[in-house]
C-alpha cells in the first residue's frame, strides 16, 4: 500500500488507503508526501474486520485462551464501541489543492 501512496503522490493522483497505512507512511515519509486526506467518514468507505478462532486440536501451540478473551472483549459492549470510533477506517487521499 505504501507504494500506491508514493505513486499517487508522484502522479498527483487520488487513491484509497486504510487509516493505519496512511498514518504510518505519512509519519515515515512526512517531508516528502504532498498528499492530504480529501474525503473520509462515508459509510461507503466502511472497512470491516473479522476474527476467527482456529481449531485448538489442529493448532495446539496457539494461545487459545487469549483468543477467547479477545473475541469476548470484541463482542462486549465496550469492545463494540471502540473500533472505528475515533477515526474512519478508510481515507480518500489526493494531491494537496
N, C-alpha and C. Protein backbone atom coordinates (compact mmCIF):
# COMPACT_ATOMS: atom_id res chain seq x y z
N UNK A 1 0.82 -1.19 0.00
CA UNK A 1 0.00 0.00 0.00
C UNK A 1 0.86 1.25 0.00
N UNK A 2 2.02 1.19 0.63
CA UNK A 2 2.90 2.35 0.65
C UNK A 2 3.34 2.78 -0.74
N UNK A 3 3.58 1.80 -1.61
CA UNK A 3 3.98 2.13 -3.00
C UNK A 3 2.85 2.84 -3.73
N UNK A 4 1.60 2.47 -3.43
CA UNK A 4 0.45 3.14 -4.05
C UNK A 4 0.42 4.60 -3.62
N UNK A 5 0.68 4.85 -2.35
CA UNK A 5 0.74 6.24 -1.88
C UNK A 5 1.85 7.02 -2.56
N UNK A 6 3.00 6.38 -2.74
CA UNK A 6 4.12 7.03 -3.45
C UNK A 6 3.72 7.36 -4.89
N UNK A 7 3.09 6.40 -5.57
CA UNK A 7 2.69 6.63 -6.96
C UNK A 7 1.65 7.75 -7.06
N UNK A 8 0.67 7.74 -6.16
CA UNK A 8 -0.35 8.80 -6.18
C UNK A 8 0.30 10.16 -5.96
N UNK A 9 1.28 10.20 -5.07
CA UNK A 9 1.98 11.45 -4.81
C UNK A 9 2.75 11.91 -6.05
N UNK A 10 3.48 11.00 -6.67
CA UNK A 10 4.27 11.34 -7.86
C UNK A 10 3.39 11.77 -9.03
N UNK A 11 2.24 11.12 -9.19
CA UNK A 11 1.35 11.41 -10.32
C UNK A 11 0.30 12.48 -9.99
N UNK A 12 0.34 12.99 -8.78
CA UNK A 12 -0.68 13.92 -8.29
C UNK A 12 -2.07 13.34 -8.55
N UNK A 13 -2.24 12.08 -8.10
CA UNK A 13 -3.47 11.34 -8.33
C UNK A 13 -4.18 11.08 -7.00
N UNK A 14 -5.35 10.47 -7.09
CA UNK A 14 -6.13 10.11 -5.92
C UNK A 14 -6.05 8.60 -5.71
N UNK A 15 -6.20 8.17 -4.46
CA UNK A 15 -6.23 6.75 -4.14
C UNK A 15 -7.00 6.56 -2.84
N UNK A 16 -7.31 5.32 -2.51
CA UNK A 16 -7.90 4.98 -1.23
C UNK A 16 -6.85 4.27 -0.40
N UNK A 17 -6.86 4.51 0.89
CA UNK A 17 -5.94 3.81 1.78
C UNK A 17 -6.59 3.62 3.13
N UNK A 18 -6.12 2.63 3.87
CA UNK A 18 -6.63 2.44 5.22
C UNK A 18 -5.91 3.39 6.17
N UNK A 19 -6.53 3.63 7.29
CA UNK A 19 -6.01 4.60 8.25
C UNK A 19 -4.61 4.23 8.74
N UNK A 20 -4.39 2.97 9.07
CA UNK A 20 -3.11 2.54 9.60
C UNK A 20 -1.96 2.79 8.64
N UNK A 21 -2.18 2.43 7.37
CA UNK A 21 -1.14 2.65 6.36
C UNK A 21 -0.88 4.13 6.16
N UNK A 22 -1.95 4.92 6.10
CA UNK A 22 -1.79 6.35 5.90
C UNK A 22 -0.97 6.98 7.03
N UNK A 23 -1.34 6.66 8.26
CA UNK A 23 -0.63 7.27 9.39
C UNK A 23 0.82 6.83 9.45
N UNK A 24 1.07 5.54 9.26
CA UNK A 24 2.44 5.04 9.31
C UNK A 24 3.29 5.63 8.19
N UNK A 25 2.74 5.65 7.00
CA UNK A 25 3.52 6.13 5.86
C UNK A 25 3.70 7.64 5.92
N UNK A 26 2.66 8.35 6.33
CA UNK A 26 2.77 9.80 6.42
C UNK A 26 3.86 10.21 7.40
N UNK A 27 3.92 9.54 8.53
CA UNK A 27 4.93 9.89 9.53
C UNK A 27 6.32 9.45 9.10
N UNK A 28 6.42 8.34 8.38
CA UNK A 28 7.72 7.86 7.91
C UNK A 28 8.24 8.71 6.76
N UNK A 29 7.35 9.23 5.95
CA UNK A 29 7.73 9.99 4.76
C UNK A 29 7.24 11.44 4.84
N UNK A 30 7.08 11.95 6.03
CA UNK A 30 6.42 13.23 6.25
C UNK A 30 6.93 14.37 5.37
N UNK A 31 8.21 14.46 5.19
CA UNK A 31 8.74 15.60 4.44
C UNK A 31 8.58 15.44 2.94
N UNK A 32 8.26 14.23 2.47
CA UNK A 32 8.21 14.02 1.02
C UNK A 32 6.79 13.90 0.46
N UNK A 33 5.81 13.50 1.23
CA UNK A 33 4.46 13.33 0.70
C UNK A 33 3.69 14.64 0.70
N UNK A 34 3.14 15.00 -0.44
CA UNK A 34 2.30 16.19 -0.53
C UNK A 34 0.83 15.83 -0.49
N UNK A 35 0.50 14.54 -0.35
CA UNK A 35 -0.88 14.10 -0.33
C UNK A 35 -1.57 14.53 0.96
N UNK A 36 -2.88 14.74 0.86
CA UNK A 36 -3.70 15.09 2.01
C UNK A 36 -4.98 14.25 1.97
N UNK A 37 -5.62 14.11 3.12
CA UNK A 37 -6.92 13.44 3.18
C UNK A 37 -7.93 14.39 2.56
N UNK A 38 -8.66 13.92 1.55
CA UNK A 38 -9.65 14.77 0.89
C UNK A 38 -11.07 14.30 1.17
N UNK A 39 -11.22 13.09 1.71
CA UNK A 39 -12.56 12.57 1.98
C UNK A 39 -12.45 11.43 2.97
N UNK A 40 -13.31 11.41 3.98
CA UNK A 40 -13.33 10.31 4.94
C UNK A 40 -14.67 10.29 5.65
N UNK A 41 -14.97 9.16 6.27
CA UNK A 41 -16.15 9.06 7.11
C UNK A 41 -17.42 8.58 6.45
N UNK A 42 -17.45 8.44 5.13
CA UNK A 42 -18.65 7.97 4.46
C UNK A 42 -18.85 6.47 4.72
N UNK A 43 -20.07 6.03 4.99
CA UNK A 43 -20.32 4.60 5.20
C UNK A 43 -19.87 3.72 4.03
N UNK A 44 -19.80 4.29 2.84
CA UNK A 44 -19.34 3.53 1.68
C UNK A 44 -17.87 3.13 1.83
N UNK A 45 -17.14 3.83 2.68
CA UNK A 45 -15.73 3.51 2.91
C UNK A 45 -15.52 2.57 4.09
N UNK A 46 -16.61 2.04 4.63
CA UNK A 46 -16.52 1.13 5.78
C UNK A 46 -15.62 -0.05 5.42
N UNK A 47 -14.72 -0.38 6.32
CA UNK A 47 -13.72 -1.42 6.08
C UNK A 47 -13.80 -2.45 7.22
N UNK A 48 -14.70 -3.44 7.10
CA UNK A 48 -14.90 -4.37 8.22
C UNK A 48 -13.72 -5.32 8.41
N UNK A 49 -13.53 -5.69 9.64
CA UNK A 49 -12.51 -6.68 10.01
C UNK A 49 -13.21 -7.83 10.71
N UNK A 50 -12.60 -8.99 10.70
CA UNK A 50 -13.16 -10.14 11.39
C UNK A 50 -12.10 -10.89 12.16
N UNK A 51 -12.54 -11.68 13.11
CA UNK A 51 -11.65 -12.52 13.90
C UNK A 51 -12.19 -13.94 13.85
N UNK A 52 -11.32 -14.88 13.57
CA UNK A 52 -11.71 -16.29 13.52
C UNK A 52 -10.77 -17.06 14.45
N UNK A 53 -11.34 -17.77 15.38
CA UNK A 53 -10.54 -18.62 16.27
C UNK A 53 -10.21 -19.91 15.52
N UNK A 54 -8.95 -20.31 15.54
CA UNK A 54 -8.54 -21.54 14.89
C UNK A 54 -8.82 -22.74 15.78
N UNK A 55 -8.91 -23.90 15.16
CA UNK A 55 -9.20 -25.14 15.86
C UNK A 55 -8.05 -25.48 16.82
N UNK A 56 -8.32 -25.56 18.13
CA UNK A 56 -7.25 -25.85 19.09
C UNK A 56 -6.67 -27.25 18.94
N UNK A 57 -7.43 -28.18 18.39
CA UNK A 57 -6.90 -29.53 18.18
C UNK A 57 -5.89 -29.54 17.03
N UNK A 58 -6.12 -28.70 16.05
CA UNK A 58 -5.21 -28.63 14.91
C UNK A 58 -3.99 -27.75 15.19
N UNK A 59 -4.18 -26.73 16.02
CA UNK A 59 -3.10 -25.79 16.34
C UNK A 59 -2.95 -25.68 17.86
N UNK A 60 -2.50 -26.73 18.52
CA UNK A 60 -2.42 -26.73 19.98
C UNK A 60 -1.38 -25.75 20.54
N UNK A 61 -0.44 -25.32 19.72
CA UNK A 61 0.62 -24.42 20.19
C UNK A 61 0.16 -22.97 20.33
N UNK A 62 -1.01 -22.64 19.84
CA UNK A 62 -1.50 -21.26 19.89
C UNK A 62 -2.15 -20.95 21.23
N UNK A 63 -2.26 -19.68 21.54
CA UNK A 63 -2.84 -19.20 22.79
C UNK A 63 -4.36 -19.11 22.65
N UNK A 64 -5.05 -20.22 22.82
CA UNK A 64 -6.50 -20.25 22.61
C UNK A 64 -7.27 -19.53 23.71
N UNK A 65 -6.73 -19.51 24.91
CA UNK A 65 -7.40 -18.75 25.99
C UNK A 65 -7.34 -17.25 25.68
N UNK A 66 -6.20 -16.81 25.16
CA UNK A 66 -6.07 -15.40 24.77
C UNK A 66 -7.02 -15.03 23.64
N UNK A 67 -7.17 -15.94 22.67
CA UNK A 67 -8.09 -15.71 21.55
C UNK A 67 -9.52 -15.61 22.07
N UNK A 68 -9.90 -16.51 22.95
CA UNK A 68 -11.26 -16.47 23.52
C UNK A 68 -11.49 -15.16 24.28
N UNK A 69 -10.50 -14.74 25.04
CA UNK A 69 -10.63 -13.48 25.78
C UNK A 69 -10.75 -12.29 24.82
N UNK A 70 -9.96 -12.30 23.75
CA UNK A 70 -10.01 -11.20 22.78
C UNK A 70 -11.37 -11.16 22.08
N UNK A 71 -11.87 -12.31 21.65
CA UNK A 71 -13.19 -12.35 20.99
C UNK A 71 -14.27 -11.91 21.96
N UNK A 72 -14.21 -12.37 23.20
CA UNK A 72 -15.20 -11.95 24.20
C UNK A 72 -15.18 -10.43 24.38
N UNK A 73 -13.97 -9.85 24.41
CA UNK A 73 -13.88 -8.40 24.54
C UNK A 73 -14.45 -7.70 23.30
N UNK A 74 -14.12 -8.20 22.11
CA UNK A 74 -14.61 -7.56 20.88
C UNK A 74 -16.13 -7.51 20.81
N UNK A 75 -16.80 -8.55 21.29
CA UNK A 75 -18.26 -8.57 21.20
C UNK A 75 -18.94 -7.99 22.44
N UNK A 76 -18.14 -7.56 23.40
CA UNK A 76 -18.70 -6.92 24.60
C UNK A 76 -19.16 -5.50 24.25
N UNK A 77 -20.01 -4.90 25.07
CA UNK A 77 -20.43 -3.51 24.80
C UNK A 77 -19.24 -2.56 24.67
N UNK A 78 -18.23 -2.72 25.54
CA UNK A 78 -17.05 -1.85 25.47
C UNK A 78 -16.29 -2.06 24.16
N UNK A 79 -16.05 -3.30 23.81
CA UNK A 79 -15.31 -3.61 22.58
C UNK A 79 -16.02 -3.17 21.32
N UNK A 80 -17.34 -3.24 21.31
CA UNK A 80 -18.12 -2.84 20.13
C UNK A 80 -18.10 -1.33 19.91
N UNK A 81 -17.81 -0.58 20.95
CA UNK A 81 -17.79 0.89 20.83
C UNK A 81 -16.46 1.41 20.30
N UNK A 82 -15.36 0.72 20.56
CA UNK A 82 -14.04 1.28 20.27
C UNK A 82 -13.61 1.24 18.81
N UNK A 83 -13.66 0.09 18.10
CA UNK A 83 -13.12 0.11 16.73
C UNK A 83 -13.85 1.13 15.86
N UNK A 84 -13.09 1.99 15.24
CA UNK A 84 -13.65 2.98 14.32
C UNK A 84 -14.31 4.16 14.99
N UNK A 85 -14.29 4.22 16.31
CA UNK A 85 -14.98 5.31 16.98
C UNK A 85 -14.26 6.64 16.80
N UNK A 86 -12.94 6.63 16.93
CA UNK A 86 -12.21 7.88 16.86
C UNK A 86 -12.00 8.36 15.42
N UNK A 87 -11.75 7.44 14.50
CA UNK A 87 -11.39 7.83 13.14
C UNK A 87 -11.99 6.84 12.14
N UNK A 88 -12.32 7.30 10.95
CA UNK A 88 -12.77 6.36 9.93
C UNK A 88 -11.65 5.41 9.55
N UNK A 89 -12.02 4.25 9.03
CA UNK A 89 -11.03 3.22 8.70
C UNK A 89 -10.37 3.44 7.35
N UNK A 90 -11.05 4.10 6.42
CA UNK A 90 -10.52 4.28 5.08
C UNK A 90 -10.59 5.75 4.70
N UNK A 91 -9.56 6.22 4.05
CA UNK A 91 -9.49 7.61 3.59
C UNK A 91 -9.35 7.66 2.08
N UNK A 92 -9.92 8.69 1.48
CA UNK A 92 -9.60 9.03 0.10
C UNK A 92 -8.46 10.05 0.19
N UNK A 93 -7.38 9.75 -0.51
CA UNK A 93 -6.16 10.57 -0.43
C UNK A 93 -5.92 11.19 -1.80
N UNK A 94 -5.50 12.44 -1.82
CA UNK A 94 -5.23 13.08 -3.10
C UNK A 94 -4.23 14.19 -2.99
N UNK A 95 -3.93 14.81 -4.13
CA UNK A 95 -2.96 15.89 -4.13
C UNK A 95 -3.46 17.07 -3.32
N UNK A 96 -2.53 17.78 -2.74
CA UNK A 96 -2.88 18.96 -1.97
C UNK A 96 -3.42 20.01 -2.93
N UNK A 97 -4.61 20.59 -2.63
CA UNK A 97 -5.19 21.58 -3.56
C UNK A 97 -4.37 22.84 -3.67
